[in-house]
Amino acid sequence: MEVHVGDRVVVEGAKVGQPPRRGEVVEIVRGAAGDRLRVRWEGTDHDTLLAPGTDVRIEPRQERRPDRIGLRVDISLTEDADHTDAVARLRLGDREFSGWGRARRHPTDPEMPVVGEELAIARALSDVSHQLVGAAAGALEQALGKPVALHV
């Protein structure tokens, strides 16, 4: 069975009378030794990597309500003495968006790395924000069969 993000995972108890452990697949990590599932377990904020075995049952995701769509944001920073670059990657359901931002320190400005990080991240997220608005407009245009203009 093919596994998808959002599918439910049930791991049967290892001992008699032990209840099964349940969670949701939040990421599929592909590797040479096989796929691993990043699972967020019910009742916790913990994720673990799981190699599916005979004690693991996968239940396909149910139709998701709009308030239950999977969302993940990863931000990476690189910096030198005068520049900070940020890349923001956003996964929304099965779609991915990526944005970039840069902050530059003027030679007369004080060295305040956190300010550069904040600006670079804000610019990367702004880039992603514009992409999301474009995607929303595209989905509406396809559904309505006419051009739309969204304002933010």
Protein backbone atom coordinates (compact mmCIF):
# COMPACT_ATOMS: atom_id res chain seq x y z
CA MET A 1 0.00 0.00 0.00
CA GLU A 2 1.27 3.45 -0.88
CA VAL A 3 1.53 5.82 2.08
CA HIS A 4 0.64 9.52 1.87
CA VAL A 5 1.07 12.48 4.19
CA GLY A 6 -2.07 12.66 6.29
CA ASP A 7 -2.61 8.88 6.45
CA ARG A 8 -3.19 7.39 9.89
CA VAL A 9 -0.69 4.96 11.43
CA VAL A 10 -1.70 2.31 13.96
CA VAL A 11 1.05 0.35 15.73
CA GLU A 12 -0.29 -2.70 17.51
CA GLY A 13 0.76 -3.15 21.14
CA ALA A 14 3.84 -5.33 21.68
CA LYS A 15 2.31 -6.96 24.77
CA VAL A 16 -1.07 -8.54 25.34
CA GLY A 17 -3.53 -5.95 26.58
CA GLN A 18 -1.35 -3.03 25.52
CA PRO A 19 -3.43 -0.56 23.48
CA PRO A 20 -2.37 0.32 19.93
CA ARG A 21 -0.48 3.57 19.36
CA ARG A 22 -2.04 5.94 16.81
CA GLY A 23 -0.59 8.83 14.86
CA GLU A 24 -0.58 10.77 11.60
CA VAL A 25 2.04 10.67 8.85
CA VAL A 26 3.42 14.22 8.63
CA GLU A 27 6.32 13.48 6.26
CA ILE A 28 7.70 10.65 4.16
CA VAL A 29 11.48 10.46 4.33
CA ARG A 30 12.86 8.65 1.28
CA GLY A 31 16.17 6.82 1.64
CA ALA A 32 18.33 4.10 0.14
CA ALA A 33 17.32 1.68 2.90
CA GLY A 34 13.63 2.34 2.28
CA ASP A 35 11.05 4.89 3.25
CA ARG A 36 10.62 6.09 6.80
CA LEU A 37 7.52 7.82 8.09
CA ARG A 38 7.66 10.86 10.34
CA VAL A 39 4.67 10.28 12.60
CA ARG A 40 3.06 12.72 15.05
CA TRP A 41 1.52 10.61 17.78
CA GLU A 42 -1.96 11.28 19.18
CA GLY A 43 -2.01 13.07 22.50
CA THR A 44 1.58 14.32 22.19
CA ASP A 45 3.59 16.97 20.40
CA HIS A 46 6.24 14.39 19.53
CA ASP A 47 7.28 13.21 16.08
CA THR A 48 9.31 10.08 15.48
CA LEU A 49 10.69 8.32 12.42
CA LEU A 50 9.08 4.96 11.90
CA ALA A 51 10.11 2.13 9.60
CA PRO A 52 6.86 0.35 8.67
CA GLY A 53 6.82 -3.30 9.74
CA THR A 54 4.33 -6.11 10.22
CA ASP A 55 2.98 -4.49 13.40
CA VAL A 56 2.13 -1.26 11.57
CA ARG A 57 -1.23 -0.66 9.89
CA ILE A 58 -1.79 2.28 7.56
CA GLU A 59 -5.26 3.77 7.29
CA PRO A 60 -5.79 6.11 4.31
CA ARG A 61 -6.64 9.66 5.29
CA GLN A 62 -10.24 10.63 5.34
CA GLU A 63 -11.42 13.64 3.39
CA ARG A 64 -9.90 16.49 5.28
CA ARG A 65 -11.94 19.35 6.57
CA PRO A 66 -10.53 22.76 5.60
CA ASP A 67 -9.44 23.36 9.20
CA ARG A 68 -7.37 20.15 9.20
CA ILE A 69 -5.07 20.76 6.24
CA GLY A 70 -1.42 19.86 6.86
CA LEU A 71 0.94 22.81 7.10
CA ARG A 72 4.69 22.85 7.59
CA VAL A 73 7.11 25.78 7.38
CA ASP A 74 10.89 25.39 7.38
CA ILE A 75 13.23 28.38 7.37
CA SER A 76 16.98 28.21 6.84
CA LEU A 77 19.43 31.07 7.32
CA THR A 78 22.90 31.72 5.98
CA GLU A 79 24.87 34.78 6.92
CA ASP A 80 28.20 36.53 6.73
CA ALA A 81 29.33 39.80 8.30
CA ASP A 82 27.16 41.97 6.04
CA HIS A 83 24.37 39.77 4.63
CA THR A 84 21.73 37.40 5.90
CA ASP A 85 19.82 35.17 3.46
CA ALA A 86 16.68 33.26 4.38
CA VAL A 87 14.88 30.51 2.49
CA ALA A 88 11.35 29.73 3.60
CA ARG A 89 9.78 26.47 2.45
CA LEU A 90 6.09 25.98 3.08
CA ARG A 91 4.26 22.71 2.51
CA LEU A 92 0.49 23.10 2.39
CA GLY A 93 -1.21 19.76 1.94
CA ASP A 94 0.54 18.24 -1.07
CA ARG A 95 1.81 21.57 -2.50
CA GLU A 96 5.13 23.26 -1.82
CA PHE A 97 6.11 26.93 -1.98
CA SER A 98 9.58 28.40 -1.54
CA GLY A 99 10.59 32.02 -0.95
CA TRP A 100 13.87 33.88 -0.56
CA GLY A 101 14.81 37.03 1.32
CA ARG A 102 18.00 38.97 2.01
CA ALA A 103 19.01 41.64 4.51
CA ARG A 104 22.12 43.75 4.06
CA ARG A 105 23.88 45.68 6.78
CA HIS A 106 24.90 49.19 5.82
CA PRO A 107 28.52 49.91 6.86
CA THR A 108 27.33 52.62 9.28
CA ASP A 109 24.73 50.38 10.95
CA PRO A 110 25.57 48.66 14.24
CA GLU A 111 26.16 44.89 14.16
CA MET A 112 22.81 43.43 15.21
CA PRO A 113 22.52 39.95 13.64
CA VAL A 114 19.01 39.35 14.96
CA VAL A 115 17.72 42.36 13.00
CA GLY A 116 19.20 40.96 9.79
CA GLU A 117 17.64 37.56 10.52
CA GLU A 118 14.24 39.12 11.17
CA LEU A 119 14.32 41.14 7.95
CA ALA A 120 15.55 38.25 5.79
CA ILE A 121 12.88 35.92 7.22
CA ALA A 122 10.16 38.55 6.76
CA ARG A 123 11.18 39.01 3.12
CA ALA A 124 11.27 35.25 2.47
CA LEU A 125 7.82 34.83 4.04
CA SER A 126 6.52 37.78 2.03
CA ASP A 127 7.72 36.02 -1.13
CA VAL A 128 5.85 32.86 -0.08
CA SER A 129 2.79 34.96 0.80
CA HIS A 130 2.61 36.36 -2.73
CA GLN A 131 2.90 32.86 -4.16
CA LEU A 132 0.02 31.67 -1.94
CA VAL A 133 -2.19 34.54 -3.12
CA GLY A 134 -1.35 33.62 -6.73
CA ALA A 135 -2.20 29.96 -6.08
CA ALA A 136 -5.51 30.92 -4.45
CA ALA A 137 -6.39 33.17 -7.40
CA GLY A 138 -5.50 30.38 -9.83
CA ALA A 139 -7.73 27.90 -7.99
CA LEU A 140 -10.62 30.37 -7.96
CA GLU A 141 -10.18 31.18 -11.66
CA GLN A 142 -10.25 27.50 -12.50
CA ALA A 143 -13.37 26.90 -10.39
CA LEU A 144 -15.23 30.01 -11.62
CA GLY A 145 -14.02 29.95 -15.22
CA LYS A 146 -13.16 33.64 -15.20
CA PRO A 147 -10.30 35.89 -14.06
CA VAL A 148 -10.26 37.03 -10.43
CA ALA A 149 -8.25 39.68 -8.61
CA LEU A 150 -7.39 39.07 -4.99
CA HIS A 151 -6.19 41.92 -2.81
CA VAL A 152 -4.16 41.52 0.37
